[in-house]
C-alpha atoms as a PDB file:
ATOM      1  CA  UNK A   1      76.014 113.990  99.411  1.00  0.00           C
ATOM      2  CA  UNK A   2      75.879 110.389 100.643  1.00  0.00           C
ATOM      3  CA  UNK A   3      76.818 109.502 104.229  1.00  0.00           C
ATOM      4  CA  UNK A   4      79.784 107.508 102.936  1.00  0.00           C
ATOM      5  CA  UNK A   5      81.063 110.433 100.866  1.00  0.00           C
ATOM      6  CA  UNK A   6      80.517 112.832 103.761  1.00  0.00           C
ATOM      7  CA  UNK A   7      82.550 110.621 106.101  1.00  0.00           C
ATOM      8  CA  UNK A   8      85.362 110.391 103.573  1.00  0.00           C
ATOM      9  CA  UNK A   9      85.356 114.167 103.199  1.00  0.00           C
ATOM     10  CA  UNK A  10      85.523 114.687 106.963  1.00  0.00           C
ATOM     11  CA  UNK A  11      88.387 112.224 107.281  1.00  0.00           C
ATOM     12  CA  UNK A  12      90.239 113.979 104.466  1.00  0.00           C
ATOM     13  CA  UNK A  13      89.827 117.362 106.132  1.00  0.00           C
ATOM     14  CA  UNK A  14      90.713 116.118 109.619  1.00  0.00           C
ATOM     15  CA  UNK A  15      93.856 114.475 108.263  1.00  0.00           C
ATOM     16  CA  UNK A  16      95.249 117.875 107.438  1.00  0.00           C
ATOM     17  CA  UNK A  17      94.142 119.448 110.722  1.00  0.00           C
ATOM     18  CA  UNK A  18      95.684 116.751 112.886  1.00  0.00           C
ATOM     19  CA  UNK A  19      99.363 117.636 112.635  1.00  0.00           C
ATOM     20  CA  UNK A  20     101.643 120.120 110.946  1.00  0.00           C
ATOM     21  CA  UNK A  21     103.415 118.458 108.002  1.00  0.00           C
ATOM     22  CA  UNK A  22     106.365 119.230 105.754  1.00  0.00           C
ATOM     23  CA  UNK A  23     104.482 121.285 103.206  1.00  0.00           C
ATOM     24  CA  UNK A  24     106.816 123.577 101.267  1.00  0.00           C
ATOM     25  CA  UNK A  25     109.371 123.041  98.511  1.00  0.00           C
ATOM     26  CA  UNK A  26     112.240 123.938 100.846  1.00  0.00           C
ATOM     27  CA  UNK A  27     115.099 121.417 100.776  1.00  0.00           C
ATOM     28  CA  UNK A  28     118.535 121.073 102.318  1.00  0.00           C
ATOM     29  CA  UNK A  29     121.564 121.425 100.067  1.00  0.00           C
ATOM     30  CA  UNK A  30     123.571 118.381  99.017  1.00  0.00           C
ATOM     31  CA  UNK A  31     126.575 119.695 100.914  1.00  0.00           C
ATOM     32  CA  UNK A  32     124.624 119.988 104.182  1.00  0.00           C
ATOM     33  CA  UNK A  33     124.948 116.278 104.919  1.00  0.00           C
ATOM     34  CA  UNK A  34     128.426 115.824 103.486  1.00  0.00           C
ATOM     35  CA  UNK A  35     129.795 118.654 105.585  1.00  0.00           C
ATOM     36  CA  UNK A  36     127.917 117.366 108.613  1.00  0.00           C
ATOM     37  CA  UNK A  37     129.334 113.860 108.497  1.00  0.00           C
ATOM     38  CA  UNK A  38     132.898 114.932 107.674  1.00  0.00           C
ATOM     39  CA  UNK A  39     133.242 117.839 110.084  1.00  0.00           C
ATOM     40  CA  UNK A  40     131.180 116.937 113.140  1.00  0.00           C
ATOM     41  CA  UNK A  41     132.745 118.220 116.329  1.00  0.00           C
ATOM     42  CA  UNK A  42     132.084 116.216 119.482  1.00  0.00           C
ATOM     43  CA  UNK A  43     131.273 118.514 122.410  1.00  0.00           C
ATOM     44  CA  UNK A  44     130.355 115.894 125.000  1.00  0.00           C
ATOM     45  CA  UNK A  45     129.160 112.378 125.714  1.00  0.00           C
ATOM     46  CA  UNK A  46     125.646 111.499 126.843  1.00  0.00           C
ATOM     47  CA  UNK A  47     124.728 108.700 129.231  1.00  0.00           C
ATOM     48  CA  UNK A  48     121.073 108.581 128.154  1.00  0.00           C
ATOM     49  CA  UNK A  49     119.468 108.990 124.731  1.00  0.00           C
ATOM     50  CA  UNK A  50     115.712 109.257 124.380  1.00  0.00           C
ATOM     51  CA  UNK A  51     114.140 108.820 120.934  1.00  0.00           C
ATOM     52  CA  UNK A  52     110.850 110.559 120.121  1.00  0.00           C
ATOM     53  CA  UNK A  53     108.357 110.164 117.296  1.00  0.00           C
ATOM     54  CA  UNK A  54     107.614 113.709 116.108  1.00  0.00           C
ATOM     55  CA  UNK A  55     104.164 114.226 114.543  1.00  0.00           C
ATOM     56  CA  UNK A  56     103.682 110.584 113.549  1.00  0.00           C
ATOM     57  CA  UNK A  57     100.697 109.600 111.446  1.00  0.00           C
ATOM     58  CA  UNK A  58     101.358 105.980 112.448  1.00  0.00           C
ATOM     59  CA  UNK A  59     103.541 105.477 115.534  1.00  0.00           C
ATOM     60  CA  UNK A  60     104.595 102.073 114.150  1.00  0.00           C
ATOM     61  CA  UNK A  61     105.719 103.399 110.752  1.00  0.00           C
ATOM     62  CA  UNK A  62     108.725 105.734 110.825  1.00  0.00           C
ATOM     63  CA  UNK A  63     108.144 106.746 107.227  1.00  0.00           C
ATOM     64  CA  UNK A  64     105.037 108.635 108.399  1.00  0.00           C
ATOM     65  CA  UNK A  65     106.911 110.639 111.057  1.00  0.00           C
ATOM     66  CA  UNK A  66     108.138 114.175 110.463  1.00  0.00           C
ATOM     67  CA  UNK A  67     111.275 113.249 112.390  1.00  0.00           C
ATOM     68  CA  UNK A  68     112.728 110.947 114.978  1.00  0.00           C
ATOM     69  CA  UNK A  69     114.019 113.396 117.534  1.00  0.00           C
ATOM     70  CA  UNK A  70     116.728 112.493 120.006  1.00  0.00           C
ATOM     71  CA  UNK A  71     117.390 113.974 123.429  1.00  0.00           C
ATOM     72  CA  UNK A  72     120.905 113.299 124.672  1.00  0.00           C
ATOM     73  CA  UNK A  73     121.420 113.744 128.396  1.00  0.00           C
ATOM     74  CA  UNK A  74     124.631 114.180 130.356  1.00  0.00           C
ATOM     75  CA  UNK A  75     125.480 115.895 133.616  1.00  0.00           C
ATOM     76  CA  UNK A  76     124.785 119.621 133.327  1.00  0.00           C
ATOM     77  CA  UNK A  77     123.751 119.523 129.642  1.00  0.00           C
ATOM     78  CA  UNK A  78     121.113 118.193 127.256  1.00  0.00           C
ATOM     79  CA  UNK A  79     120.879 118.390 123.491  1.00  0.00           C
ATOM     80  CA  UNK A  80     117.899 117.822 121.214  1.00  0.00           C
ATOM     81  CA  UNK A  81     118.462 117.122 117.506  1.00  0.00           C
ATOM     82  CA  UNK A  82     117.344 114.857 114.654  1.00  0.00           C
ATOM     83  CA  UNK A  83     118.200 111.174 114.989  1.00  0.00           C
ATOM     84  CA  UNK A  84     117.144 110.626 111.368  1.00  0.00           C
ATOM     85  CA  UNK A  85     119.744 113.211 110.363  1.00  0.00           C
ATOM     86  CA  UNK A  86     122.472 111.647 112.503  1.00  0.00           C
ATOM     87  CA  UNK A  87     121.826 108.131 111.168  1.00  0.00           C
ATOM     88  CA  UNK A  88     122.058 109.515 107.630  1.00  0.00           C
ATOM     89  CA  UNK A  89     125.372 111.223 108.449  1.00  0.00           C
ATOM     90  CA  UNK A  90     126.792 108.077 110.073  1.00  0.00           C
ATOM     91  CA  UNK A  91     125.983 105.990 106.999  1.00  0.00           C
ATOM     92  CA  UNK A  92     127.169 108.677 104.585  1.00  0.00           C
ATOM     93  CA  UNK A  93     130.485 108.959 106.445  1.00  0.00           C
ATOM     94  CA  UNK A  94     131.056 105.218 106.089  1.00  0.00           C
ATOM     95  CA  UNK A  95     130.019 105.337 102.411  1.00  0.00           C
ATOM     96  CA  UNK A  96     132.518 108.111 101.685  1.00  0.00           C
ATOM     97  CA  UNK A  97     135.255 106.157 103.457  1.00  0.00           C
ATOM     98  CA  UNK A  98     134.411 103.099 101.339  1.00  0.00           C
ATOM     99  CA  UNK A  99     134.298 105.164  98.099  1.00  0.00           C
ATOM    100  CA  UNK A 100     137.164 107.685  98.450  1.00  0.00           C
ATOM    101  CA  UNK A 101     137.491 108.261  94.702  1.00  0.00           C
ATOM    102  CA  UNK A 102     133.828 108.789  93.893  1.00  0.00           C
ATOM    103  CA  UNK A 103     132.784 112.081  92.290  1.00  0.00           C
ATOM    104  CA  UNK A 104     129.183 111.726  93.494  1.00  0.00           C
ATOM    105  CA  UNK A 105     127.558 110.743  96.756  1.00  0.00           C
ATOM    106  CA  UNK A 106     124.026 109.941  98.029  1.00  0.00           C
ATOM    107  CA  UNK A 107     123.332 112.787 100.478  1.00  0.00           C
ATOM    108  CA  UNK A 108     119.831 111.664 101.540  1.00  0.00           C
ATOM    109  CA  UNK A 109     120.007 107.939 100.902  1.00  0.00           C
ATOM    110  CA  UNK A 110     119.442 106.900 104.515  1.00  0.00           C
ATOM    111  CA  UNK A 111     117.013 109.619 105.607  1.00  0.00           C
ATOM    112  CA  UNK A 112     113.561 108.474 106.687  1.00  0.00           C
ATOM    113  CA  UNK A 113     110.276 110.110 107.548  1.00  0.00           C
ATOM    114  CA  UNK A 114     107.613 112.066 105.679  1.00  0.00           C
ATOM    115  CA  UNK A 115     109.197 113.813 102.663  1.00  0.00           C
ATOM    116  CA  UNK A 116     112.756 113.028 103.806  1.00  0.00           C
ATOM    117  CA  UNK A 117     114.363 115.378 101.273  1.00  0.00           C
ATOM    118  CA  UNK A 118     112.375 118.412 102.505  1.00  0.00           C
ATOM    119  CA  UNK A 119     113.319 120.957 105.157  1.00  0.00           C
ATOM    120  CA  UNK A 120     111.304 121.787 108.259  1.00  0.00           C
ATOM    121  CA  UNK A 121     112.588 124.035 111.032  1.00  0.00           C
ATOM    122  CA  UNK A 122     111.850 121.588 113.861  1.00  0.00           C
ATOM    123  CA  UNK A 123     113.994 118.866 112.299  1.00  0.00           C
ATOM    124  CA  UNK A 124     116.928 121.052 111.337  1.00  0.00           C
ATOM    125  CA  UNK A 125     117.408 122.890 114.607  1.00  0.00           C
ATOM    126  CA  UNK A 126     119.956 121.856 117.217  1.00  0.00           C
ATOM    127  CA  UNK A 127     118.834 122.798 120.731  1.00  0.00           C
ATOM    128  CA  UNK A 128     121.314 122.717 123.614  1.00  0.00           C
ATOM    129  CA  UNK A 129     120.534 123.431 127.260  1.00  0.00           C
ATOM    130  CA  UNK A 130     123.415 124.046 129.622  1.00  0.00           C
ATOM    131  CA  UNK A 131     122.678 125.309 133.099  1.00  0.00           C
ATOM    132  CA  UNK A 132     119.794 127.744 132.784  1.00  0.00           C
ATOM    133  CA  UNK A 133     120.524 128.811 129.190  1.00  0.00           C
ATOM    134  CA  UNK A 134     118.900 127.375 126.048  1.00  0.00           C
ATOM    135  CA  UNK A 135     120.628 127.822 122.680  1.00  0.00           C
ATOM    136  CA  UNK A 136     118.963 127.111 119.353  1.00  0.00           C
ATOM    137  CA  UNK A 137     121.125 126.658 116.262  1.00  0.00           C
ATOM    138  CA  UNK A 138     118.719 126.933 113.314  1.00  0.00           C
ATOM    139  CA  UNK A 139     119.820 125.639 109.907  1.00  0.00           C
ATOM    140  CA  UNK A 140     117.984 127.153 106.929  1.00  0.00           C
ATOM    141  CA  UNK A 141     117.162 125.412 103.613  1.00  0.00           C
ATOM    142  CA  UNK A 142     119.524 125.283 100.653  1.00  0.00           C
ATOM    143  CA  UNK A 143     118.491 128.512  98.909  1.00  0.00           C
ATOM    144  CA  UNK A 144     119.462 130.633 101.929  1.00  0.00           C
ATOM    145  CA  UNK A 145     121.863 128.388 103.824  1.00  0.00           C
ATOM    146  CA  UNK A 146     124.075 131.413 104.451  1.00  0.00           C
ATOM    147  CA  UNK A 147     121.323 132.696 106.780  1.00  0.00           C
ATOM    148  CA  UNK A 148     121.775 130.028 109.460  1.00  0.00           C
ATOM    149  CA  UNK A 149     121.161 131.641 112.855  1.00  0.00           C
ATOM    150  CA  UNK A 150     121.603 130.995 116.551  1.00  0.00           C
ATOM    151  CA  UNK A 151     120.165 132.653 119.651  1.00  0.00           C
ATOM    152  CA  UNK A 152     119.833 131.992 123.367  1.00  0.00           C
ATOM    153  CA  UNK A 153     117.127 132.471 125.994  1.00  0.00           C
ATOM    154  CA  UNK A 154     116.617 131.545 129.673  1.00  0.00           C
ATOM    155  CA  UNK A 155     115.560 127.984 130.564  1.00  0.00           C
ATOM    156  CA  UNK A 156     113.110 126.553 131.617  1.00  0.00           C
ATOM    157  CA  UNK A 157     110.450 128.259 129.544  1.00  0.00           C
ATOM    158  CA  UNK A 158     107.186 126.671 130.704  1.00  0.00           C
ATOM    159  CA  UNK A 159     105.262 126.924 133.986  1.00  0.00           C
ATOM    160  CA  UNK A 160     103.420 123.690 134.670  1.00  0.00           C
ATOM    161  CA  UNK A 161     100.372 122.562 136.620  1.00  0.00           C
ATOM    162  CA  UNK A 162     100.755 119.008 137.927  1.00  0.00           C
ATOM    163  CA  UNK A 163      97.901 116.539 137.621  1.00  0.00           C
ATOM    164  CA  UNK A 164      97.155 113.274 139.389  1.00  0.00           C
ATOM    165  CA  UNK A 165      96.578 111.039 136.352  1.00  0.00           C
ATOM    166  CA  UNK A 166      99.257 108.502 135.430  1.00  0.00           C
ATOM    167  CA  UNK A 167     100.102 106.265 132.484  1.00  0.00           C
ATOM    168  CA  UNK A 168     102.988 104.031 131.430  1.00  0.00           C
ATOM    169  CA  UNK A 169     105.194 104.982 128.479  1.00  0.00           C
ATOM    170  CA  UNK A 170     108.180 102.874 127.406  1.00  0.00           C
ATOM    171  CA  UNK A 171     107.914 101.004 130.698  1.00  0.00           C
ATOM    172  CA  UNK A 172     108.115 104.153 132.833  1.00  0.00           C
ATOM    173  CA  UNK A 173     105.299 105.352 135.076  1.00  0.00           C
ATOM    174  CA  UNK A 174     104.426 108.902 133.996  1.00  0.00           C
ATOM    175  CA  UNK A 175     102.439 111.715 135.597  1.00  0.00           C
ATOM    176  CA  UNK A 176     100.313 114.279 133.787  1.00  0.00           C
ATOM    177  CA  UNK A 177     101.108 118.011 133.642  1.00  0.00           C
ATOM    178  CA  UNK A 178      99.613 120.910 131.673  1.00  0.00           C
ATOM    179  CA  UNK A 179     100.630 124.419 130.721  1.00  0.00           C
ATOM    180  CA  UNK A 180      99.798 127.278 128.377  1.00  0.00           C
ATOM    181  CA  UNK A 181     102.862 128.666 126.619  1.00  0.00           C
ATOM    182  CA  UNK A 182     103.382 130.988 123.650  1.00  0.00           C
ATOM    183  CA  UNK A 183      99.851 130.659 122.369  1.00  0.00           C
ATOM    184  CA  UNK A 184      99.291 126.924 122.815  1.00  0.00           C
ATOM    185  CA  UNK A 185      98.013 124.678 125.589  1.00  0.00           C
ATOM    186  CA  UNK A 186     100.055 121.525 126.212  1.00  0.00           C
ATOM    187  CA  UNK A 187      99.541 118.232 127.981  1.00  0.00           C
ATOM    188  CA  UNK A 188     102.716 116.446 129.018  1.00  0.00           C
ATOM    189  CA  UNK A 189     103.492 113.108 130.629  1.00  0.00           C
ATOM    190  CA  UNK A 190     106.727 113.020 132.636  1.00  0.00           C
ATOM    191  CA  UNK A 191     108.463 110.321 134.634  1.00  0.00           C
ATOM    192  CA  UNK A 192     110.095 110.997 138.021  1.00  0.00           C
ATOM    193  CA  UNK A 193     111.905 107.675 137.477  1.00  0.00           C
ATOM    194  CA  UNK A 194     114.303 109.639 135.232  1.00  0.00           C
ATOM    195  CA  UNK A 195     114.887 112.752 137.398  1.00  0.00           C
ATOM    196  CA  UNK A 196     115.968 115.071 134.594  1.00  0.00           C
ATOM    197  CA  UNK A 197     114.146 118.390 134.082  1.00  0.00           C
ATOM    198  CA  UNK A 198     114.144 118.061 130.295  1.00  0.00           C
ATOM    199  CA  UNK A 199     112.136 116.906 127.301  1.00  0.00           C
ATOM    200  CA  UNK A 200     111.960 117.066 123.503  1.00  0.00           C
ATOM    201  CA  UNK A 201     112.598 120.311 121.653  1.00  0.00           C
ATOM    202  CA  UNK A 202     112.407 123.286 124.096  1.00  0.00           C
ATOM    203  CA  UNK A 203     110.234 121.578 126.692  1.00  0.00           C
ATOM    204  CA  UNK A 204     111.359 121.040 130.274  1.00  0.00           C
ATOM    205  CA  UNK A 205     111.020 122.328 133.805  1.00  0.00           C
ATOM    206  CA  UNK A 206     109.196 119.324 135.306  1.00  0.00           C
ATOM    207  CA  UNK A 207     110.477 117.062 138.131  1.00  0.00           C
ATOM    208  CA  UNK A 208     111.241 114.312 135.652  1.00  0.00           C
ATOM    209  CA  UNK A 209     111.829 113.576 131.974  1.00  0.00           C
ATOM    210  CA  UNK A 210     108.987 114.436 129.583  1.00  0.00           C
ATOM    211  CA  UNK A 211     108.055 111.248 127.738  1.00  0.00           C
ATOM    212  CA  UNK A 212     105.083 112.534 125.750  1.00  0.00           C
ATOM    213  CA  UNK A 213     103.701 115.977 124.945  1.00  0.00           C
ATOM    214  CA  UNK A 214     101.123 117.412 122.560  1.00  0.00           C
ATOM    215  CA  UNK A 215      99.211 120.646 122.108  1.00  0.00           C
ATOM    216  CA  UNK A 216      95.428 120.860 122.453  1.00  0.00           C
ATOM    217  CA  UNK A 217      94.859 121.212 118.695  1.00  0.00           C
ATOM    218  CA  UNK A 218      97.030 118.164 117.857  1.00  0.00           C
ATOM    219  CA  UNK A 219      99.141 120.274 115.507  1.00  0.00           C
ATOM    220  CA  UNK A 220     102.329 119.074 117.232  1.00  0.00           C
ATOM    221  CA  UNK A 221     103.220 116.023 119.287  1.00  0.00           C
ATOM    222  CA  UNK A 222     106.231 114.099 120.546  1.00  0.00           C
ATOM    223  CA  UNK A 223     106.143 110.607 122.046  1.00  0.00           C
ATOM    224  CA  UNK A 224     109.091 108.649 123.438  1.00  0.00           C
ATOM    225  CA  UNK A 225     109.640 105.343 121.652  1.00  0.00           C
ATOM    226  CA  UNK A 226     112.934 104.295 123.274  1.00  0.00           C
ATOM    227  CA  UNK A 227     115.135 105.154 126.253  1.00  0.00           C
ATOM    228  CA  UNK A 228     118.740 104.033 125.647  1.00  0.00           C
ATOM    229  CA  UNK A 229     121.515 103.949 128.236  1.00  0.00           C
ATOM    230  CA  UNK A 230     125.175 103.870 127.209  1.00  0.00           C
ATOM    231  CA  UNK A 231     127.654 106.307 125.666  1.00  0.00           C
ATOM    232  CA  UNK A 232     126.403 108.601 122.912  1.00  0.00           C
ATOM    233  CA  UNK A 233     128.477 111.387 121.301  1.00  0.00           C
ATOM    234  CA  UNK A 234     127.011 114.880 121.439  1.00  0.00           C
ATOM    235  CA  UNK A 235     127.858 116.911 118.339  1.00  0.00           C
ATOM    236  CA  UNK A 236     127.921 120.656 117.864  1.00  0.00           C
ATOM    237  CA  UNK A 237     126.002 122.496 115.134  1.00  0.00           C
ATOM    238  CA  UNK A 238     126.587 120.906 111.724  1.00  0.00           C
ATOM    239  CA  UNK A 239     127.465 123.929 109.584  1.00  0.00           C
ATOM    240  CA  UNK A 240     130.350 126.362 109.926  1.00  0.00           C
ATOM    241  CA  UNK A 241     128.523 129.653 109.754  1.00  0.00           C
ATOM    242  CA  UNK A 242     125.772 130.698 112.159  1.00  0.00           C
ATOM    243  CA  UNK A 243     124.876 134.360 112.608  1.00  0.00           C
ATOM    244  CA  UNK A 244     124.094 135.408 116.175  1.00  0.00           C
ATOM    245  CA  UNK A 245     120.507 136.632 116.163  1.00  0.00           C
ATOM    246  CA  UNK A 246     117.327 136.760 118.230  1.00  0.00           C
ATOM    247  CA  UNK A 247     114.421 134.376 118.630  1.00  0.00           C
ATOM    248  CA  UNK A 248     112.083 136.929 117.024  1.00  0.00           C
ATOM    249  CA  UNK A 249     114.209 137.215 113.864  1.00  0.00           C
ATOM    250  CA  UNK A 250     114.597 133.444 113.557  1.00  0.00           C
ATOM    251  CA  UNK A 251     110.839 132.864 113.883  1.00  0.00           C
ATOM    252  CA  UNK A 252     110.100 135.640 111.377  1.00  0.00           C
ATOM    253  CA  UNK A 253     112.352 134.084 108.741  1.00  0.00           C
ATOM    254  CA  UNK A 254     111.064 130.554 109.413  1.00  0.00           C
ATOM    255  CA  UNK A 255     107.471 131.745 109.085  1.00  0.00           C
ATOM    256  CA  UNK A 256     108.247 133.504 105.799  1.00  0.00           C
ATOM    257  CA  UNK A 257     109.925 130.367 104.415  1.00  0.00           C
ATOM    258  CA  UNK A 258     106.912 128.258 105.329  1.00  0.00           C
ATOM    259  CA  UNK A 259     104.257 130.671 104.090  1.00  0.00           C
ATOM    260  CA  UNK A 260     105.918 131.560 100.780  1.00  0.00           C
ATOM    261  CA  UNK A 261     109.236 129.827 100.200  1.00  0.00           C
ATOM    262  CA  UNK A 262     109.592 130.968  96.593  1.00  0.00           C
ATOM    263  CA  UNK A 263     109.024 134.645  97.421  1.00  0.00           C
ATOM    264  CA  UNK A 264     111.294 134.564 100.484  1.00  0.00           C
ATOM    265  CA  UNK A 265     114.186 133.019  98.577  1.00  0.00           C
ATOM    266  CA  UNK A 266     113.701 135.193  95.483  1.00  0.00           C
ATOM    267  CA  UNK A 267     112.615 132.263  93.316  1.00  0.00           C
ATOM    268  CA  UNK A 268     109.726 132.347  90.850  1.00  0.00           C
ATOM    269  CA  UNK A 269     108.044 129.252  89.451  1.00  0.00           C
ATOM    270  CA  UNK A 270     105.320 129.916  86.868  1.00  0.00           C
ATOM    271  CA  UNK A 271     102.381 127.565  86.347  1.00  0.00           C
ATOM    272  CA  UNK A 272     102.322 126.928  82.602  1.00  0.00           C
ATOM    273  CA  UNK A 273      98.545 126.679  82.219  1.00  0.00           C
ATOM    274  CA  UNK A 274      97.690 129.847  84.147  1.00  0.00           C
ATOM    275  CA  UNK A 275     100.830 131.943  83.725  1.00  0.00           C
ATOM    276  CA  UNK A 276     100.713 132.720  87.454  1.00  0.00           C
ATOM    277  CA  UNK A 277     103.375 132.139  90.131  1.00  0.00           C
ATOM    278  CA  UNK A 278     103.136 128.756  91.837  1.00  0.00           C
ATOM    279  CA  UNK A 279     102.344 128.623  95.535  1.00  0.00           C
ATOM    280  CA  UNK A 280     104.996 126.856  97.611  1.00  0.00           C
ATOM    281  CA  UNK A 281     102.482 125.665 100.213  1.00  0.00           C
ATOM    282  CA  UNK A 282      99.283 123.669  99.886  1.00  0.00           C
ATOM    283  CA  UNK A 283      97.834 124.089 103.382  1.00  0.00           C
ATOM    284  CA  UNK A 284      97.886 126.823 106.053  1.00  0.00           C
ATOM    285  CA  UNK A 285     101.029 127.080 108.143  1.00  0.00           C
ATOM    286  CA  UNK A 286     100.512 126.783 111.894  1.00  0.00           C
ATOM    287  CA  UNK A 287     103.809 127.523 113.679  1.00  0.00           C
ATOM    288  CA  UNK A 288     104.478 125.884 117.005  1.00  0.00           C
ATOM    289  CA  UNK A 289     105.209 129.219 118.706  1.00  0.00           C
ATOM    290  CA  UNK A 290     102.251 131.537 118.118  1.00  0.00           C
ATOM    291  CA  UNK A 291     103.547 134.402 120.287  1.00  0.00           C
END
């Protein structure tokens, strides 16, 4: 094998080991977005909204991100959800108002990111922290949308070791911190200039807002790309039905959907040439929570 070919092979392999991607055939139903934009219930108003690039291949190209996460912050409460999803709902709501007699609608027309029509649990979960309680409202893909679940657990979840290194992110001076949590080792950069003990997804517990965080294997990463101040509506979970469950049951179902979506949803797709069932995943699934 030539050196050139070897380098190309290594780059190809490392591309798949760098970050977890959307890699199953799971999709959200058409009605998920229509219901979301028409029946959103406002549960508060945030004074700060932080936007994060989630697993970006290119930080400057949103179409390579898994999601643009948003952390909305108000006194006594934070909420983390998908900004891509909210922008899509905002535009769909206006489109439906402008086309009241239409029999069809474009449910994913304004979604961005890598495989925008595909489901991934970290994009379609709504995480609210109020006081010392974290609630996750997990929306499942279209084939089993009746299995949406919610659970709660104590917050904060991580125990951090503070470092001395600093860097600037979005104009804010940040300090380094590390922790090992649920099977992964994380490095975070937080800013005491925004004295909120919060961060993207379930992360928090530091004396300042987490602006960037990644695990040691580079499977998962979040990086702040904007800090907005103003008035931002905080919405409740998008769908009507959520079954009260446990974290263990939610993770078990999400893992099954990622490892074999067709089998989990009772769907069979046969490969014509081989006569064998098609696999719903091309690469190994590496969940964020390993324990």
